[in-house]
Protein backbone atom coordinates (compact mmCIF):
# COMPACT_ATOMS: atom_id res chain seq x y z
CA MET A 1 -33.02 -52.00 0.40
CA GLU A 2 -35.63 -49.37 1.14
CA LYS A 3 -33.84 -48.60 4.39
CA ASN A 4 -30.54 -47.99 2.56
CA SER A 5 -32.24 -45.76 0.00
CA SER A 6 -33.86 -43.78 2.79
CA CYS A 7 -30.47 -43.31 4.49
CA CYS A 8 -28.85 -42.12 1.25
CA PHE A 9 -31.65 -39.65 0.62
CA SER A 10 -31.36 -38.38 4.18
CA ASN A 11 -27.61 -37.87 3.81
CA LEU A 12 -28.08 -35.99 0.55
CA SER A 13 -30.73 -33.78 2.10
CA SER A 14 -28.55 -32.94 5.08
CA ASN A 15 -25.55 -32.14 2.87
CA LEU A 16 -27.51 -30.00 0.40
CA PRO A 17 -27.41 -26.74 2.45
CA ILE A 18 -23.67 -27.14 3.01
CA THR A 19 -23.10 -27.79 -0.69
CA CYS A 20 -25.17 -24.74 -1.65
CA LEU A 21 -23.29 -22.58 0.86
CA ILE A 22 -19.89 -23.73 -0.43
CA THR A 23 -21.02 -23.11 -4.02
CA PHE A 24 -22.27 -19.63 -3.16
CA ILE A 25 -19.06 -18.71 -1.33
CA THR A 26 -16.96 -20.02 -4.23
CA ILE A 27 -18.91 -18.00 -6.80
CA PHE A 28 -18.80 -14.90 -4.62
CA LEU A 29 -15.03 -15.15 -4.06
CA ARG A 30 -14.43 -15.68 -7.77
CA ARG A 31 -16.51 -12.59 -8.47
CA VAL A 32 -14.54 -10.56 -5.90
CA LEU A 33 -11.25 -11.67 -7.43
CA ASN A 34 -12.53 -10.80 -10.88
CA VAL A 35 -13.52 -7.30 -9.76
CA ILE A 36 -10.13 -6.81 -8.10
CA TYR A 37 -8.40 -8.01 -11.27
CA ARG A 38 -10.35 -5.47 -13.33
CA THR A 39 -9.52 -2.67 -10.89
CA GLY A 40 -7.90 0.16 -12.79
CA LYS A 41 -9.30 -0.95 -16.13
CA PRO A 42 -11.33 1.49 -18.28
CA LEU A 43 -15.09 1.69 -17.82
CA GLY A 44 -15.57 -0.51 -20.84
CA LYS A 45 -16.05 -0.43 -24.60
CA ARG A 46 -19.74 0.36 -24.26
CA VAL A 47 -18.97 3.74 -22.71
CA SER A 48 -18.40 6.33 -25.41
CA PRO A 49 -15.48 8.73 -24.85
CA GLN A 50 -17.95 11.59 -25.26
CA ARG A 51 -20.76 10.14 -23.17
CA PRO A 52 -21.41 11.96 -19.85
CA LEU A 53 -20.64 10.01 -16.71
CA SER A 54 -22.71 10.42 -13.56
CA THR A 55 -20.23 11.40 -10.86
CA LEU A 56 -20.40 11.15 -7.10
CA ILE A 57 -18.12 13.66 -5.34
CA VAL A 58 -17.41 13.09 -1.64
CA LEU A 59 -16.62 16.21 0.35
CA GLY A 60 -15.08 16.48 3.81
CA SER A 61 -14.51 19.04 6.50
CA GLY A 62 -11.26 20.93 6.80
CA GLY A 63 -8.95 20.99 3.83
CA HIS A 64 -10.57 18.06 2.01
CA THR A 65 -13.25 20.20 0.40
CA ALA A 66 -10.79 22.94 -0.57
CA GLU A 67 -8.59 20.37 -2.33
CA MET A 68 -11.60 18.80 -4.02
CA ILE A 69 -12.82 22.18 -5.30
CA ASN A 70 -9.39 22.84 -6.80
CA LEU A 71 -9.52 19.45 -8.49
CA LEU A 72 -13.00 20.08 -9.85
CA LEU A 73 -11.93 23.39 -11.38
CA VAL A 74 -9.78 21.52 -13.91
CA LEU A 75 -12.30 18.74 -14.47
CA ARG A 76 -14.18 18.48 -17.75
CA LYS A 77 -17.58 19.49 -16.45
CA GLU A 78 -19.48 18.40 -19.57
CA ARG A 79 -17.90 14.94 -19.29
CA PHE A 80 -18.59 14.33 -15.59
CA THR A 81 -22.27 15.10 -15.30
CA PRO A 82 -24.66 14.98 -13.55
CA ARG A 83 -22.64 15.62 -10.40
CA PHE A 84 -23.78 14.50 -6.95
CA TYR A 85 -22.07 16.13 -3.99
CA ILE A 86 -22.17 14.29 -0.66
CA ALA A 87 -20.96 15.54 2.72
CA ALA A 88 -21.45 14.44 6.31
CA ALA A 89 -24.77 15.35 7.91
CA THR A 90 -22.98 17.68 10.32
CA ASP A 91 -20.91 19.37 7.61
CA ASN A 92 -22.91 22.20 6.05
CA MET A 93 -19.90 24.32 5.05
CA SER A 94 -18.65 21.85 2.44
CA LEU A 95 -21.97 21.75 0.60
CA GLN A 96 -22.12 25.55 0.64
CA LYS A 97 -18.73 25.68 -1.07
CA ALA A 98 -19.92 23.16 -3.66
CA ARG A 99 -23.03 25.25 -4.33
CA VAL A 100 -20.85 28.33 -4.83
CA LEU A 101 -18.76 26.40 -7.34
CA GLU A 102 -21.79 25.17 -9.27
CA ASN A 103 -23.35 28.65 -9.25
CA SER A 104 -20.13 30.08 -10.68
CA LEU A 105 -20.35 27.53 -13.49
CA ALA A 106 -24.03 28.17 -14.19
CA ASP A 107 -23.35 31.06 -16.57
CA SER A 108 -20.67 29.18 -18.48
CA SER A 109 -21.76 28.13 -21.96
CA GLU A 110 -20.05 24.73 -21.64
CA THR A 111 -21.90 23.82 -18.46
CA ARG A 112 -25.26 25.49 -19.05
CA GLY A 113 -28.11 23.10 -18.41
CA LEU A 114 -25.96 20.55 -16.60
CA SER A 115 -27.31 19.36 -13.27
CA ALA A 116 -25.86 19.03 -9.80
CA GLU A 117 -27.41 17.68 -6.61
CA PHE A 118 -26.33 18.07 -2.99
CA MET A 119 -26.82 15.38 -0.37
CA GLN A 120 -25.75 14.49 3.15
CA ILE A 121 -24.81 11.19 4.75
CA TYR A 122 -24.59 10.06 8.35
CA ARG A 123 -21.10 9.83 9.81
CA SER A 124 -19.77 6.43 10.83
CA ARG A 125 -18.14 8.00 13.86
CA GLU A 126 -18.06 11.52 15.22
CA VAL A 127 -14.88 13.02 16.64
CA GLY A 128 -14.51 11.87 20.25
CA GLN A 129 -17.27 9.26 19.99
CA SER A 130 -16.63 5.99 21.84
CA TYR A 131 -15.92 2.88 19.79
CA VAL A 132 -18.76 1.01 21.50
CA THR A 133 -21.46 3.42 20.36
CA SER A 134 -19.78 3.85 16.97
CA VAL A 135 -20.75 0.26 16.08
CA TRP A 136 -24.40 1.29 15.81
CA THR A 137 -23.67 4.56 14.00
CA THR A 138 -21.46 2.69 11.54
CA LEU A 139 -24.30 0.29 10.71
CA VAL A 140 -26.66 3.23 10.22
CA ALA A 141 -24.10 4.96 7.99
CA MET A 142 -23.66 1.80 5.89
CA ALA A 143 -27.42 1.45 5.44
CA HIS A 144 -27.69 5.11 4.45
CA ALA A 145 -24.75 4.75 2.04
CA LEU A 146 -26.43 1.73 0.44
CA TRP A 147 -29.64 3.69 -0.08
CA LEU A 148 -27.76 6.64 -1.60
CA MET A 149 -25.69 4.46 -3.92
CA ILE A 150 -28.76 2.60 -5.18
CA LYS A 151 -30.49 5.93 -5.73
CA ILE A 152 -27.56 7.63 -7.51
CA ARG A 153 -25.89 4.64 -9.19
CA PRO A 154 -22.81 6.68 -10.13
CA GLN A 155 -20.38 5.64 -12.82
CA VAL A 156 -17.54 7.56 -11.18
CA VAL A 157 -16.80 8.08 -7.47
CA LEU A 158 -14.33 10.86 -6.69
CA CYS A 159 -12.94 11.23 -3.17
CA ASN A 160 -9.85 12.50 -1.38
CA GLY A 161 -9.77 11.22 2.16
CA PRO A 162 -12.74 12.10 4.39
CA GLY A 163 -14.00 9.19 6.47
CA THR A 164 -17.45 9.52 4.90
CA CYS A 165 -16.04 8.10 1.67
CA ILE A 166 -15.36 4.67 3.18
CA PRO A 167 -18.95 3.33 3.38
CA LEU A 168 -19.75 4.81 -0.03
CA CYS A 169 -16.69 3.21 -1.65
CA VAL A 170 -17.34 -0.14 0.05
CA ILE A 171 -20.93 -0.13 -1.20
CA ALA A 172 -19.77 0.85 -4.70
CA PHE A 173 -17.32 -2.06 -4.66
CA PHE A 174 -20.02 -4.47 -3.42
CA ILE A 175 -22.40 -3.30 -6.16
CA LYS A 176 -19.68 -4.08 -8.71
CA VAL A 177 -19.25 -7.55 -7.21
CA ILE A 178 -22.92 -8.45 -7.54
CA GLY A 179 -23.00 -6.95 -11.03
CA ILE A 180 -25.60 -4.21 -10.59
CA ARG A 181 -23.39 -1.34 -11.67
CA ARG A 182 -19.70 -0.77 -12.26
CA SER A 183 -18.49 2.42 -10.59
CA SER A 184 -14.89 3.50 -11.09
CA ILE A 185 -13.48 4.82 -7.82
CA PHE A 186 -10.82 7.54 -8.07
CA TYR A 187 -9.03 8.38 -4.84
CA VAL A 188 -6.72 11.40 -4.53
CA GLU A 189 -4.75 11.42 -1.29
CA SER A 190 -4.60 14.75 0.52
CA ILE A 191 -1.57 16.95 -0.06
CA ALA A 192 -1.13 16.99 3.73
CA ARG A 193 -0.12 13.33 3.58
CA VAL A 194 3.58 13.46 2.86
CA LYS A 195 5.07 10.31 4.42
CA ARG A 196 2.13 7.97 4.95
CA LEU A 197 -1.44 7.53 3.81
CA SER A 198 -4.49 8.59 5.75
CA LEU A 199 -6.60 5.85 7.32
CA SER A 200 -9.17 6.16 4.54
CA GLY A 201 -6.48 5.99 1.88
CA LEU A 202 -4.76 3.05 3.54
CA LEU A 203 -8.00 1.05 3.69
CA LEU A 204 -8.88 1.72 0.05
CA TYR A 205 -5.32 0.94 -1.04
CA LYS A 206 -4.83 -2.26 0.96
CA LEU A 207 -8.28 -3.63 0.14
CA ARG A 208 -7.83 -2.70 -3.55
CA ILE A 209 -11.18 -0.94 -3.60
CA ALA A 210 -10.01 2.17 -5.48
CA ASP A 211 -9.65 1.75 -9.24
CA GLN A 212 -7.15 4.58 -9.48
CA PHE A 213 -5.13 5.80 -6.51
CA PHE A 214 -3.27 9.12 -6.74
CA VAL A 215 -0.72 10.68 -4.39
CA GLN A 216 0.83 14.14 -4.45
CA TRP A 217 4.29 13.32 -3.10
CA PRO A 218 6.89 11.09 -4.81
CA GLN A 219 7.96 9.39 -1.55
CA LEU A 220 4.40 8.15 -1.09
CA GLN A 221 4.43 6.61 -4.55
CA ARG A 222 7.68 4.82 -3.76
CA LYS A 223 6.19 3.49 -0.54
CA TYR A 224 2.91 2.48 -2.21
CA PRO A 225 3.88 1.39 -5.75
CA ARG A 226 0.33 0.88 -7.02
CA ALA A 227 -0.35 4.58 -6.47
CA HIS A 228 0.14 7.16 -9.23
CA TYR A 229 2.18 10.27 -8.51
CA VAL A 230 0.50 13.35 -10.01
CA GLY A 231 2.37 16.18 -8.29
CA CYS A 232 0.86 18.86 -6.07
CA LEU A 233 -2.67 19.74 -7.15
CA MET A 234 -3.12 22.73 -4.85
């Protein structure tokens, strides 16, 4: 009898880690599905329509920053504040343009006293970098993105295609899954993308990471029906 009891206890002990693992995976997957289901929903009833929202703005080299600046010009500055601008560590020009924008708003009565911060993030992969070495740089970029997101804890993430937005958006999605903070991710595809999405846009669209996905050409909206056509913003 004692031998049988000992065997049963041993079996239970050996199955306990597997049971805990299955339970954890089940809870995690349910949480992921719940976050995906809520994608596109408003921030919530607790957020007042007049309450400022901390906003993370991802800038990129080339035309990405120019498009983002044009978008920010029509944004309600008093609503989306404080603003945190992030660009790649090797991209100083984008942050300079953002500083010029914020300086031009400094004398405005509606934005006086509102804050803006400027930060840089490591790139996952530089242009021409081999895929082998990019594994390490991607891990470093993800760790840096995690640190920045925990530090900023934005309520809104605004991006339009640079590769630097991917680790930030993934971390924002993961933070929503574990329930630390809900960040609404707004992605505006570049006007240069007429027939198909950029790699960044395709990843965020297919993985359902972006809460709201906007395109500037009607044929893109027909090809990707969950996207919203907003016309040309430039």
